[in-house]
């Protein structure tokens, strides 16, 4: 069975027990969570949330630069009033560089990737805690985010499942 066939079969099983048809569009908890796309991170489980409680916005590294459009829509169209940023200890972007990522793309995909990769900031970082503080600051100071919106940051430990709160920049 191919991966797509497995996904289709799993969806049929999911649909048989589906009971979320009446969940309202705006998140019940008025919460938006920005986190990494890493497949090991399950924000609902980590924070004890249920379907419909929060918007989960994911991208490589949980970066605000990629998420501000979604966060603004979450606040203005869907009524969220609090933001959590969740980074993690073992992120694939940690310690990488734009040069390394660009080199790998060109090596893998050929010269056709050279120009597009050269024009793209992959937003890597050397320190997860500092990166998290920077994300929180970028969100708090964005003109697209409601002034006074609480923005809380956490670092997730993939080894223990625990989160550690990180204070924003002073």
Protein backbone atom coordinates (compact mmCIF):
# COMPACT_ATOMS: atom_id res chain seq x y z
CA UNK A 1 0.00 0.00 0.00
CA UNK A 2 1.39 3.43 -0.94
CA UNK A 3 1.61 6.29 1.54
CA UNK A 4 -1.29 8.07 -0.18
CA UNK A 5 -3.41 4.90 0.03
CA UNK A 6 -2.57 4.64 3.76
CA UNK A 7 -3.63 8.27 4.27
CA UNK A 8 -6.91 7.72 2.43
CA UNK A 9 -7.65 4.59 4.49
CA UNK A 10 -6.81 6.40 7.72
CA UNK A 11 -9.13 9.26 6.74
CA UNK A 12 -12.01 6.86 6.08
CA UNK A 13 -11.50 5.42 9.58
CA UNK A 14 -11.32 8.93 11.06
CA UNK A 15 -14.50 10.01 9.28
CA UNK A 16 -16.43 7.02 10.68
CA UNK A 17 -15.95 8.34 14.23
CA UNK A 18 -15.93 12.04 13.32
CA UNK A 19 -17.67 14.17 15.93
CA UNK A 20 -16.21 17.64 15.41
CA UNK A 21 -18.71 19.00 12.87
CA UNK A 22 -20.10 21.61 15.24
CA UNK A 23 -16.86 23.16 16.48
CA UNK A 24 -17.08 26.92 15.86
CA UNK A 25 -14.49 28.55 13.58
CA UNK A 26 -13.06 30.96 16.21
CA UNK A 27 -10.86 29.15 18.75
CA UNK A 28 -12.66 28.64 22.08
CA UNK A 29 -9.61 29.60 24.16
CA UNK A 30 -8.88 32.71 22.01
CA UNK A 31 -5.34 31.38 21.69
CA UNK A 32 -2.90 31.22 18.78
CA UNK A 33 0.18 29.01 19.03
CA UNK A 34 3.19 29.53 16.79
CA UNK A 35 5.50 26.54 16.64
CA UNK A 36 7.87 24.58 14.47
CA UNK A 37 6.73 22.16 11.78
CA UNK A 38 8.76 19.40 13.48
CA UNK A 39 6.67 16.21 13.45
CA UNK A 40 7.58 15.44 17.07
CA UNK A 41 5.68 18.47 18.38
CA UNK A 42 2.00 17.98 19.25
CA UNK A 43 0.88 21.37 20.62
CA UNK A 44 -2.59 20.16 21.65
CA UNK A 45 -1.10 17.36 23.75
CA UNK A 46 1.75 19.48 25.11
CA UNK A 47 -0.64 22.19 26.36
CA UNK A 48 -3.65 19.99 27.19
CA UNK A 49 -5.84 21.49 24.47
CA UNK A 50 -8.70 19.98 22.50
CA UNK A 51 -9.92 20.40 18.92
CA UNK A 52 -11.24 23.91 18.48
CA UNK A 53 -9.34 25.42 21.43
CA UNK A 54 -6.55 27.22 19.54
CA UNK A 55 -5.10 28.10 16.18
CA UNK A 56 -1.87 26.18 15.57
CA UNK A 57 0.48 28.01 13.18
CA UNK A 58 3.49 26.00 12.09
CA UNK A 59 6.54 26.71 9.97
CA UNK A 60 10.23 25.78 9.91
CA UNK A 61 11.56 26.96 13.26
CA UNK A 62 8.32 28.58 14.44
CA UNK A 63 9.45 31.91 13.02
CA UNK A 64 7.39 35.08 13.41
CA UNK A 65 8.58 36.44 10.07
CA UNK A 66 6.70 33.61 8.33
CA UNK A 67 3.71 33.70 10.67
CA UNK A 68 2.67 37.35 11.06
CA UNK A 69 0.08 37.13 8.28
CA UNK A 70 -1.58 34.16 9.98
CA UNK A 71 -1.33 35.70 13.46
CA UNK A 72 -2.92 38.94 12.23
CA UNK A 73 -5.78 37.02 10.61
CA UNK A 74 -6.16 34.90 13.75
CA UNK A 75 -6.59 38.03 15.85
CA UNK A 76 -8.66 40.21 13.56
CA UNK A 77 -10.92 37.67 11.88
CA UNK A 78 -11.07 34.90 14.49
CA UNK A 79 -10.79 36.78 17.79
CA UNK A 80 -7.66 35.30 19.34
CA UNK A 81 -6.29 37.46 22.12
CA UNK A 82 -3.23 35.59 23.37
CA UNK A 83 -0.20 34.15 21.57
CA UNK A 84 2.14 31.36 22.63
CA UNK A 85 5.43 30.76 20.82
CA UNK A 86 6.80 27.23 21.22
CA UNK A 87 10.36 26.47 20.19
CA UNK A 88 12.22 23.25 20.93
CA UNK A 89 15.70 22.06 21.91
CA UNK A 90 16.45 19.83 18.93
CA UNK A 91 15.33 22.01 16.02
CA UNK A 92 16.74 21.26 12.57
CA UNK A 93 17.48 24.98 12.05
CA UNK A 94 19.52 25.27 15.24
CA UNK A 95 23.16 25.95 14.43
CA UNK A 96 22.60 25.99 10.68
CA UNK A 97 23.40 28.86 8.34
CA UNK A 98 21.84 30.27 5.21
CA UNK A 99 25.02 29.35 3.32
CA UNK A 100 24.76 25.70 4.41
CA UNK A 101 21.08 25.43 3.49
CA UNK A 102 21.64 27.13 0.14
CA UNK A 103 24.58 24.85 -0.63
CA UNK A 104 22.55 21.75 0.17
CA UNK A 105 19.67 22.90 -2.04
CA UNK A 106 21.95 23.61 -4.99
CA UNK A 107 23.79 20.32 -4.46
CA UNK A 108 20.51 18.41 -4.34
CA UNK A 109 18.43 20.26 -6.92
CA UNK A 110 21.08 21.70 -9.21
CA UNK A 111 21.84 25.19 -10.48
CA UNK A 112 18.13 25.88 -11.03
CA UNK A 113 17.86 26.36 -7.23
CA UNK A 114 20.82 28.76 -6.98
CA UNK A 115 19.04 32.07 -7.62
CA UNK A 116 15.84 31.33 -5.68
CA UNK A 117 17.89 30.07 -2.71
CA UNK A 118 20.17 33.11 -2.83
CA UNK A 119 17.14 35.40 -2.45
CA UNK A 120 15.63 33.52 0.48
CA UNK A 121 16.48 33.91 4.17
CA UNK A 122 15.93 30.50 5.74
CA UNK A 123 15.93 32.12 9.19
CA UNK A 124 18.33 29.79 10.99
CA UNK A 125 19.75 30.66 14.42
CA UNK A 126 22.60 29.68 16.75
CA UNK A 127 20.73 29.87 20.11
CA UNK A 128 17.18 28.59 20.71
CA UNK A 129 16.49 30.74 23.77
CA UNK A 130 17.63 33.95 22.09
CA UNK A 131 15.69 33.04 18.95
CA UNK A 132 12.56 32.56 21.05
CA UNK A 133 13.03 35.95 22.70
CA UNK A 134 13.48 37.53 19.28
CA UNK A 135 10.26 35.90 18.00
CA UNK A 136 8.32 37.15 21.03
CA UNK A 137 9.71 40.67 20.51
CA UNK A 138 8.92 40.64 16.78
CA UNK A 139 5.32 39.64 17.50
CA UNK A 140 4.87 42.13 20.37
CA UNK A 141 6.20 45.02 18.31
CA UNK A 142 4.48 44.19 15.04
CA UNK A 143 1.94 46.80 13.91
CA UNK A 144 -0.21 43.85 12.72
CA UNK A 145 -0.68 42.50 16.26
CA UNK A 146 -3.05 44.13 18.75
CA UNK A 147 -1.14 46.24 21.28
CA UNK A 148 -0.97 44.61 24.69
CA UNK A 149 -1.48 41.08 23.38
CA UNK A 150 0.09 38.64 25.85
CA UNK A 151 2.90 36.75 24.10
CA UNK A 152 4.40 33.88 26.07
CA UNK A 153 7.36 31.75 25.02
CA UNK A 154 8.23 28.17 25.85
CA UNK A 155 11.00 25.76 24.92
CA UNK A 156 9.91 22.14 24.54
CA UNK A 157 12.27 19.33 25.52
CA UNK A 158 11.79 16.37 23.15
CA UNK A 159 13.56 14.08 25.63
CA UNK A 160 11.18 14.68 28.57
CA UNK A 161 8.05 16.23 27.07
CA UNK A 162 8.39 19.18 29.47
CA UNK A 163 8.18 22.86 28.56
CA UNK A 164 10.21 25.68 30.07
CA UNK A 165 8.90 29.24 30.03
CA UNK A 166 11.29 31.89 28.70
CA UNK A 167 10.86 35.53 29.65
CA UNK A 168 10.63 38.13 26.92
CA UNK A 169 13.38 40.68 26.34
CA UNK A 170 13.59 43.27 29.07
